[in-house]
């Protein structure tokens, strides 16, 4: 009976904290979180993200998947204010997320460069979004909302 009570208590703690992925305790999950995005597999970028660009109206929806032509890269879309643009990029050797944005599928209209936030386990990046038309720069936050489809 005591074992059953301990198991239920542990399960309740995992549910509240959200840290028992695959039966691991919250501390073990945190210890497995990479310290740099360079340690993340490219698959960690696959899925849906929410993008907030300072100075831009609204919240954008980003979807990233495996790039069909370049191993270790992603390709996807960003939708904001009723418009859709293409994205492609990767995580460089220094652990920076780099994305090129194109509104017409040919020319680069914006460039994203950001760092994984500490303890986010690859679920949040912050950095600079640069509009190539007028060279203005704006801080951005990219936050994971769902894993791969």
N, C-alpha and C. Protein backbone atom coordinates (compact mmCIF):
# COMPACT_ATOMS: atom_id res chain seq x y z
N UNK A 1 0.81 -1.18 0.00
CA UNK A 1 0.00 0.00 0.00
C UNK A 1 0.86 1.25 0.00
N UNK A 2 1.95 1.23 0.79
CA UNK A 2 2.85 2.39 0.85
C UNK A 2 3.47 2.64 -0.52
N UNK A 3 3.86 1.60 -1.25
CA UNK A 3 4.45 1.77 -2.59
C UNK A 3 3.46 2.43 -3.52
N UNK A 4 2.21 2.04 -3.44
CA UNK A 4 1.18 2.61 -4.29
C UNK A 4 1.00 4.10 -3.99
N UNK A 5 1.04 4.48 -2.71
CA UNK A 5 0.91 5.89 -2.33
C UNK A 5 2.11 6.69 -2.84
N UNK A 6 3.31 6.14 -2.76
CA UNK A 6 4.51 6.81 -3.26
C UNK A 6 4.41 6.99 -4.77
N UNK A 7 3.95 5.95 -5.47
CA UNK A 7 3.82 6.04 -6.93
C UNK A 7 2.82 7.12 -7.32
N UNK A 8 1.67 7.18 -6.65
CA UNK A 8 0.66 8.21 -6.96
C UNK A 8 1.19 9.61 -6.66
N UNK A 9 1.94 9.76 -5.58
CA UNK A 9 2.52 11.05 -5.24
C UNK A 9 3.51 11.48 -6.32
N UNK A 10 4.36 10.57 -6.76
CA UNK A 10 5.34 10.88 -7.81
C UNK A 10 4.63 11.23 -9.11
N UNK A 11 3.58 10.48 -9.45
CA UNK A 11 2.84 10.75 -10.68
C UNK A 11 2.17 12.12 -10.62
N UNK A 12 1.64 12.47 -9.47
CA UNK A 12 0.99 13.78 -9.31
C UNK A 12 2.01 14.90 -9.46
N UNK A 13 3.19 14.72 -8.89
CA UNK A 13 4.24 15.73 -9.02
C UNK A 13 4.64 15.90 -10.48
N UNK A 14 4.77 14.80 -11.18
CA UNK A 14 5.13 14.87 -12.60
C UNK A 14 4.06 15.61 -13.39
N UNK A 15 2.80 15.36 -13.07
CA UNK A 15 1.71 16.01 -13.80
C UNK A 15 1.71 17.51 -13.54
N UNK A 16 1.95 17.92 -12.30
CA UNK A 16 1.93 19.33 -11.95
C UNK A 16 3.13 20.04 -12.56
N UNK A 17 4.31 19.46 -12.43
CA UNK A 17 5.53 20.09 -12.91
C UNK A 17 5.69 19.91 -14.41
N UNK A 18 5.16 18.83 -14.96
CA UNK A 18 5.30 18.56 -16.38
C UNK A 18 6.69 18.07 -16.74
N UNK A 19 7.37 17.45 -15.80
CA UNK A 19 8.75 17.10 -16.05
C UNK A 19 9.06 15.64 -16.17
N UNK A 20 8.10 14.76 -16.16
CA UNK A 20 8.40 13.33 -16.20
C UNK A 20 8.22 12.78 -17.60
N UNK A 21 9.04 13.21 -18.50
CA UNK A 21 8.99 12.68 -19.86
C UNK A 21 9.55 11.28 -19.84
N UNK A 22 8.82 10.34 -20.36
CA UNK A 22 9.23 8.95 -20.47
C UNK A 22 9.68 8.39 -19.12
N UNK A 23 8.98 8.77 -18.04
CA UNK A 23 9.25 8.19 -16.73
C UNK A 23 10.43 8.80 -15.99
N UNK A 24 11.05 9.85 -16.54
CA UNK A 24 12.19 10.46 -15.86
C UNK A 24 11.69 11.54 -14.91
N UNK A 25 12.39 11.70 -13.83
CA UNK A 25 12.05 12.74 -12.85
C UNK A 25 12.39 14.11 -13.43
N UNK A 26 11.77 15.19 -12.91
CA UNK A 26 12.04 16.53 -13.43
C UNK A 26 13.52 16.89 -13.44
N UNK A 27 14.27 16.54 -12.40
CA UNK A 27 15.70 16.87 -12.36
C UNK A 27 16.46 16.16 -13.48
N UNK A 28 16.09 14.91 -13.76
CA UNK A 28 16.77 14.17 -14.82
C UNK A 28 16.46 14.78 -16.17
N UNK A 29 15.23 15.24 -16.38
CA UNK A 29 14.86 15.88 -17.65
C UNK A 29 15.64 17.17 -17.83
N UNK A 30 15.74 17.99 -16.79
CA UNK A 30 16.47 19.24 -16.87
C UNK A 30 17.95 19.00 -17.17
N UNK A 31 18.52 17.94 -16.59
CA UNK A 31 19.92 17.63 -16.81
C UNK A 31 20.16 17.23 -18.26
N UNK A 32 19.15 16.73 -18.95
CA UNK A 32 19.31 16.29 -20.33
C UNK A 32 19.15 17.45 -21.31
N UNK A 33 18.76 18.61 -20.86
CA UNK A 33 18.56 19.77 -21.70
C UNK A 33 19.93 20.26 -22.18
N UNK A 34 20.11 20.41 -23.51
CA UNK A 34 21.41 20.87 -24.01
C UNK A 34 21.69 22.32 -23.61
N UNK A 35 22.95 22.62 -23.43
CA UNK A 35 23.32 23.99 -23.06
C UNK A 35 23.45 24.90 -24.27
N UNK A 36 23.51 24.30 -25.45
CA UNK A 36 23.64 25.07 -26.69
C UNK A 36 22.79 24.43 -27.78
N UNK A 37 22.28 25.25 -28.67
CA UNK A 37 21.49 24.73 -29.79
C UNK A 37 22.35 23.88 -30.73
N UNK A 38 23.66 24.05 -30.68
CA UNK A 38 24.56 23.23 -31.50
C UNK A 38 24.44 21.76 -31.13
N UNK A 39 23.97 21.47 -29.92
CA UNK A 39 23.80 20.10 -29.46
C UNK A 39 22.43 19.52 -29.82
N UNK A 40 21.54 20.34 -30.36
CA UNK A 40 20.21 19.88 -30.73
C UNK A 40 20.24 19.15 -32.07
N UNK A 41 19.46 18.09 -32.21
CA UNK A 41 19.30 17.51 -33.54
C UNK A 41 18.40 18.43 -34.36
N UNK A 42 18.57 18.45 -35.67
CA UNK A 42 17.75 19.33 -36.50
C UNK A 42 16.27 19.03 -36.33
N UNK A 43 15.94 17.80 -35.99
CA UNK A 43 14.53 17.43 -35.79
C UNK A 43 13.88 18.21 -34.66
N UNK A 44 14.67 18.78 -33.75
CA UNK A 44 14.13 19.57 -32.65
C UNK A 44 13.47 20.86 -33.17
N UNK A 45 13.80 21.24 -34.39
CA UNK A 45 13.20 22.44 -34.98
C UNK A 45 11.90 22.15 -35.71
N UNK A 46 11.64 20.88 -36.02
CA UNK A 46 10.45 20.52 -36.78
C UNK A 46 9.19 20.79 -35.96
N UNK A 47 8.18 21.34 -36.61
CA UNK A 47 6.90 21.55 -35.95
C UNK A 47 6.44 22.98 -36.03
N UNK A 48 5.50 23.33 -35.14
CA UNK A 48 4.88 24.65 -35.14
C UNK A 48 5.51 25.54 -34.07
N UNK A 49 5.65 26.82 -34.41
CA UNK A 49 6.24 27.81 -33.55
C UNK A 49 5.40 29.08 -33.59
N UNK A 50 5.50 29.87 -32.56
CA UNK A 50 4.87 31.18 -32.51
C UNK A 50 6.00 32.21 -32.56
N UNK A 51 5.89 33.18 -33.47
CA UNK A 51 6.92 34.21 -33.61
C UNK A 51 6.36 35.57 -33.23
N UNK A 52 7.08 36.26 -32.40
CA UNK A 52 6.75 37.64 -32.04
C UNK A 52 7.94 38.50 -32.45
N UNK A 53 7.67 39.46 -33.32
CA UNK A 53 8.71 40.37 -33.78
C UNK A 53 8.35 41.77 -33.28
N UNK A 54 9.24 42.33 -32.46
CA UNK A 54 8.97 43.64 -31.88
C UNK A 54 8.77 44.66 -32.99
N UNK A 55 7.71 45.44 -32.88
CA UNK A 55 7.41 46.45 -33.88
C UNK A 55 6.54 45.95 -35.01
N UNK A 56 6.30 44.64 -35.07
CA UNK A 56 5.42 44.05 -36.08
C UNK A 56 4.10 43.72 -35.40
N UNK A 57 3.02 43.99 -36.08
CA UNK A 57 1.70 43.73 -35.51
C UNK A 57 1.41 42.23 -35.46
N UNK A 58 0.79 41.80 -34.39
CA UNK A 58 0.31 40.43 -34.28
C UNK A 58 1.38 39.39 -33.99
N UNK A 59 0.90 38.17 -33.92
CA UNK A 59 1.75 37.00 -33.67
C UNK A 59 1.77 36.18 -34.95
N UNK A 60 2.94 35.76 -35.36
CA UNK A 60 3.08 34.97 -36.58
C UNK A 60 3.13 33.49 -36.22
N UNK A 61 2.69 32.66 -37.16
CA UNK A 61 2.76 31.21 -37.02
C UNK A 61 3.85 30.69 -37.96
N UNK A 62 4.79 29.96 -37.39
CA UNK A 62 5.90 29.38 -38.16
C UNK A 62 5.76 27.88 -38.14
N UNK A 63 5.96 27.26 -39.29
CA UNK A 63 5.98 25.79 -39.39
C UNK A 63 7.28 25.40 -40.08
N UNK A 64 8.03 24.51 -39.42
CA UNK A 64 9.32 24.06 -39.96
C UNK A 64 9.33 22.54 -40.11
N UNK A 65 10.00 22.08 -41.16
CA UNK A 65 10.11 20.64 -41.43
C UNK A 65 11.48 20.39 -42.06
N UNK A 66 11.76 19.15 -42.33
CA UNK A 66 13.03 18.76 -42.96
C UNK A 66 13.16 19.43 -44.32
N UNK A 67 14.33 19.97 -44.59
CA UNK A 67 14.59 20.56 -45.90
C UNK A 67 14.83 19.42 -46.88
N UNK A 68 14.12 19.40 -48.00
CA UNK A 68 14.25 18.28 -48.93
C UNK A 68 15.59 18.23 -49.67
N UNK A 69 16.30 19.34 -49.72
CA UNK A 69 17.54 19.39 -50.50
C UNK A 69 18.82 19.43 -49.68
N UNK A 70 18.73 19.91 -48.43
CA UNK A 70 19.94 20.09 -47.63
C UNK A 70 19.82 19.37 -46.30
N UNK A 71 20.70 18.39 -46.11
CA UNK A 71 20.74 17.61 -44.87
C UNK A 71 21.09 18.54 -43.71
N UNK A 72 20.39 18.41 -42.60
CA UNK A 72 20.67 19.22 -41.42
C UNK A 72 20.05 20.61 -41.46
N UNK A 73 19.18 20.84 -42.43
CA UNK A 73 18.51 22.15 -42.56
C UNK A 73 17.01 21.98 -42.49
N UNK A 74 16.32 23.11 -42.32
CA UNK A 74 14.86 23.13 -42.26
C UNK A 74 14.31 24.03 -43.36
N UNK A 75 13.07 23.74 -43.71
CA UNK A 75 12.34 24.60 -44.63
C UNK A 75 10.91 24.69 -44.12
N UNK A 76 10.28 25.85 -44.33
CA UNK A 76 8.92 25.99 -43.84
C UNK A 76 8.29 27.29 -44.27
N UNK A 77 7.31 27.71 -43.48
CA UNK A 77 6.56 28.93 -43.78
C UNK A 77 6.35 29.76 -42.53
N UNK A 78 6.08 31.03 -42.78
CA UNK A 78 5.64 31.93 -41.72
C UNK A 78 4.39 32.63 -42.23
N UNK A 79 3.37 32.65 -41.38
CA UNK A 79 2.12 33.32 -41.73
C UNK A 79 1.86 34.43 -40.71
N UNK A 80 1.68 35.64 -41.22
CA UNK A 80 1.37 36.77 -40.35
C UNK A 80 0.56 37.80 -41.11
N UNK A 81 -0.41 38.34 -40.42
CA UNK A 81 -1.27 39.38 -40.98
C UNK A 81 -1.84 38.99 -42.35
N UNK A 82 -2.21 37.73 -42.50
CA UNK A 82 -2.82 37.26 -43.73
C UNK A 82 -1.87 36.97 -44.87
N UNK A 83 -0.58 37.13 -44.66
CA UNK A 83 0.41 36.88 -45.72
C UNK A 83 1.29 35.70 -45.33
N UNK A 84 1.76 34.98 -46.33
CA UNK A 84 2.63 33.82 -46.11
C UNK A 84 3.97 34.06 -46.81
N UNK A 85 5.05 33.69 -46.11
CA UNK A 85 6.40 33.75 -46.68
C UNK A 85 7.09 32.42 -46.42
N UNK A 86 8.15 32.17 -47.16
CA UNK A 86 8.93 30.94 -47.02
C UNK A 86 10.10 31.16 -46.09
N UNK A 87 10.49 30.10 -45.38
CA UNK A 87 11.65 30.13 -44.48
C UNK A 87 12.56 28.95 -44.81
N UNK A 88 13.85 29.15 -44.64
CA UNK A 88 14.83 28.06 -44.76
C UNK A 88 16.03 28.42 -43.90
N UNK A 89 16.63 27.42 -43.28
CA UNK A 89 17.80 27.70 -42.46
C UNK A 89 18.28 26.51 -41.67
N UNK A 90 19.08 26.81 -40.64
CA UNK A 90 19.68 25.76 -39.82
C UNK A 90 20.23 26.35 -38.54
N UNK A 91 20.87 25.49 -37.76
CA UNK A 91 21.61 25.93 -36.58
C UNK A 91 23.08 25.79 -36.95
N UNK A 92 23.83 26.88 -36.83
CA UNK A 92 25.24 26.84 -37.24
C UNK A 92 26.10 26.16 -36.16
N UNK A 93 27.38 26.02 -36.46
CA UNK A 93 28.30 25.34 -35.54
C UNK A 93 28.46 26.05 -34.19
N UNK A 94 28.14 27.36 -34.17
CA UNK A 94 28.22 28.12 -32.93
C UNK A 94 26.92 28.06 -32.13
N UNK A 95 25.92 27.33 -32.64
CA UNK A 95 24.66 27.17 -31.93
C UNK A 95 23.65 28.27 -32.19
N UNK A 96 23.84 29.05 -33.24
CA UNK A 96 22.88 30.12 -33.59
C UNK A 96 21.90 29.61 -34.63
N UNK A 97 20.63 29.93 -34.38
CA UNK A 97 19.58 29.64 -35.35
C UNK A 97 19.62 30.72 -36.42
N UNK A 98 19.72 30.31 -37.68
CA UNK A 98 19.74 31.24 -38.80
C UNK A 98 18.65 30.84 -39.78
N UNK A 99 17.74 31.78 -40.07
CA UNK A 99 16.67 31.54 -41.02
C UNK A 99 16.64 32.65 -42.05
N UNK A 100 16.46 32.29 -43.32
CA UNK A 100 16.22 33.25 -44.38
C UNK A 100 14.74 33.23 -44.69
N UNK A 101 14.16 34.41 -44.82
CA UNK A 101 12.74 34.54 -45.12
C UNK A 101 12.59 35.12 -46.52
N UNK A 102 11.67 34.58 -47.30
CA UNK A 102 11.44 35.08 -48.66
C UNK A 102 9.95 35.22 -48.91
N UNK A 103 9.53 36.42 -49.28
CA UNK A 103 8.12 36.65 -49.57
C UNK A 103 7.73 36.16 -50.96
N UNK A 104 8.70 36.14 -51.89
CA UNK A 104 8.38 35.74 -53.26
C UNK A 104 8.99 34.40 -53.67
N UNK A 105 9.72 33.74 -52.77
CA UNK A 105 10.32 32.45 -53.08
C UNK A 105 11.64 32.55 -53.84
N UNK A 106 12.12 33.76 -54.09
CA UNK A 106 13.39 33.95 -54.82
C UNK A 106 14.36 34.82 -54.05
N UNK A 107 13.93 36.02 -53.67
CA UNK A 107 14.81 36.97 -52.98
C UNK A 107 14.60 36.88 -51.47
N UNK A 108 15.66 37.10 -50.73
CA UNK A 108 15.57 37.10 -49.27
C UNK A 108 15.00 38.43 -48.82
N UNK A 109 13.87 38.37 -48.09
CA UNK A 109 13.22 39.58 -47.61
C UNK A 109 13.55 39.89 -46.15
N UNK A 110 13.99 38.88 -45.41
CA UNK A 110 14.37 39.09 -44.01
C UNK A 110 15.32 37.97 -43.58
N UNK A 111 16.11 38.27 -42.56
CA UNK A 111 17.07 37.31 -42.02
C UNK A 111 16.86 37.24 -40.51
N UNK A 112 16.77 36.01 -40.01
CA UNK A 112 16.60 35.76 -38.58
C UNK A 112 17.92 35.21 -38.03
N UNK A 113 18.36 35.68 -36.88
CA UNK A 113 19.54 35.14 -36.22
C UNK A 113 19.28 35.18 -34.72
N UNK A 114 19.27 33.99 -34.09
CA UNK A 114 18.93 33.96 -32.67
C UNK A 114 19.59 32.85 -31.91
N UNK A 115 19.50 32.96 -30.61
CA UNK A 115 20.10 31.99 -29.69
C UNK A 115 19.02 31.26 -28.91
N UNK A 116 19.28 29.98 -28.65
CA UNK A 116 18.39 29.20 -27.79
C UNK A 116 18.45 29.79 -26.38
N UNK A 117 17.31 29.94 -25.76
CA UNK A 117 17.25 30.49 -24.41
C UNK A 117 17.65 29.42 -23.40
N UNK A 118 18.43 29.80 -22.40
CA UNK A 118 18.89 28.84 -21.39
C UNK A 118 17.72 28.09 -20.75
N UNK A 119 17.89 26.82 -20.57
CA UNK A 119 16.92 25.93 -19.92
C UNK A 119 15.62 25.77 -20.71
N UNK A 120 15.56 26.25 -21.96
CA UNK A 120 14.34 26.08 -22.76
C UNK A 120 14.35 24.74 -23.50
N UNK A 121 15.47 24.05 -23.48
CA UNK A 121 15.61 22.76 -24.16
C UNK A 121 15.25 22.86 -25.65
N UNK A 122 15.58 23.99 -26.26
CA UNK A 122 15.33 24.16 -27.68
C UNK A 122 13.92 24.60 -28.02
N UNK A 123 13.16 25.02 -27.03
CA UNK A 123 11.77 25.41 -27.28
C UNK A 123 11.58 26.92 -27.36
N UNK A 124 12.66 27.68 -27.18
CA UNK A 124 12.56 29.13 -27.33
C UNK A 124 13.89 29.70 -27.82
N UNK A 125 13.79 30.55 -28.83
CA UNK A 125 14.94 31.26 -29.37
C UNK A 125 14.64 32.75 -29.34
N UNK A 126 15.66 33.55 -29.08
CA UNK A 126 15.53 35.00 -29.14
C UNK A 126 16.70 35.55 -29.93
N UNK A 127 16.43 36.61 -30.68
CA UNK A 127 17.50 37.19 -31.47
C UNK A 127 17.03 38.40 -32.23
N UNK A 128 17.59 38.58 -33.42
CA UNK A 128 17.32 39.74 -34.25
C UNK A 128 16.75 39.33 -35.59
N UNK A 129 15.67 39.98 -35.97
CA UNK A 129 15.05 39.84 -37.29
C UNK A 129 15.42 41.09 -38.08
N UNK A 130 16.02 40.90 -39.27
CA UNK A 130 16.44 42.05 -40.08
C UNK A 130 15.67 42.07 -41.39
N UNK A 131 14.97 43.17 -41.64
CA UNK A 131 14.24 43.38 -42.88
C UNK A 131 15.27 43.83 -43.93
N UNK A 132 15.43 43.05 -45.00
CA UNK A 132 16.47 43.38 -45.99
C UNK A 132 16.08 44.55 -46.89
N UNK A 133 14.80 44.90 -46.97
CA UNK A 133 14.39 46.03 -47.82
C UNK A 133 14.86 47.36 -47.26
N UNK A 134 14.74 47.52 -45.95
CA UNK A 134 15.12 48.81 -45.36
C UNK A 134 16.21 48.68 -44.30
N UNK A 135 16.73 47.48 -44.13
CA UNK A 135 17.81 47.17 -43.21
C UNK A 135 17.47 47.46 -41.74
N UNK A 136 16.16 47.55 -41.43
CA UNK A 136 15.77 47.74 -40.03
C UNK A 136 15.88 46.42 -39.28
N UNK A 137 16.18 46.50 -38.00
CA UNK A 137 16.30 45.29 -37.18
C UNK A 137 15.32 45.38 -36.02
N UNK A 138 14.81 44.19 -35.63
CA UNK A 138 13.84 44.10 -34.55
C UNK A 138 14.12 42.83 -33.74
N UNK A 139 14.02 42.90 -32.41
CA UNK A 139 14.15 41.69 -31.61
C UNK A 139 12.99 40.74 -31.90
N UNK A 140 13.27 39.44 -31.86
CA UNK A 140 12.22 38.44 -32.03
C UNK A 140 12.31 37.39 -30.95
N UNK A 141 11.17 36.73 -30.71
CA UNK A 141 11.10 35.55 -29.86
C UNK A 141 10.36 34.49 -30.63
N UNK A 142 10.94 33.32 -30.73
CA UNK A 142 10.35 32.16 -31.41
C UNK A 142 10.12 31.10 -30.36
N UNK A 143 8.84 30.71 -30.17
CA UNK A 143 8.48 29.78 -29.11
C UNK A 143 7.74 28.58 -29.70
N UNK A 144 8.19 27.38 -29.35
CA UNK A 144 7.56 26.16 -29.86
C UNK A 144 6.13 26.05 -29.33
N UNK A 145 5.20 25.69 -30.25
CA UNK A 145 3.83 25.46 -29.83
C UNK A 145 3.42 24.01 -30.05
N UNK A 146 4.08 23.29 -30.97
CA UNK A 146 3.77 21.89 -31.21
C UNK A 146 4.94 21.23 -31.92
N UNK A 147 5.07 19.91 -31.71
CA UNK A 147 6.13 19.15 -32.36
C UNK A 147 5.81 18.86 -33.80
N UNK A 148 6.58 17.98 -34.43
CA UNK A 148 6.38 17.66 -35.84
C UNK A 148 4.98 17.11 -36.09
N UNK A 149 4.45 17.39 -37.27
CA UNK A 149 3.09 16.88 -37.59
C UNK A 149 3.05 15.37 -37.67
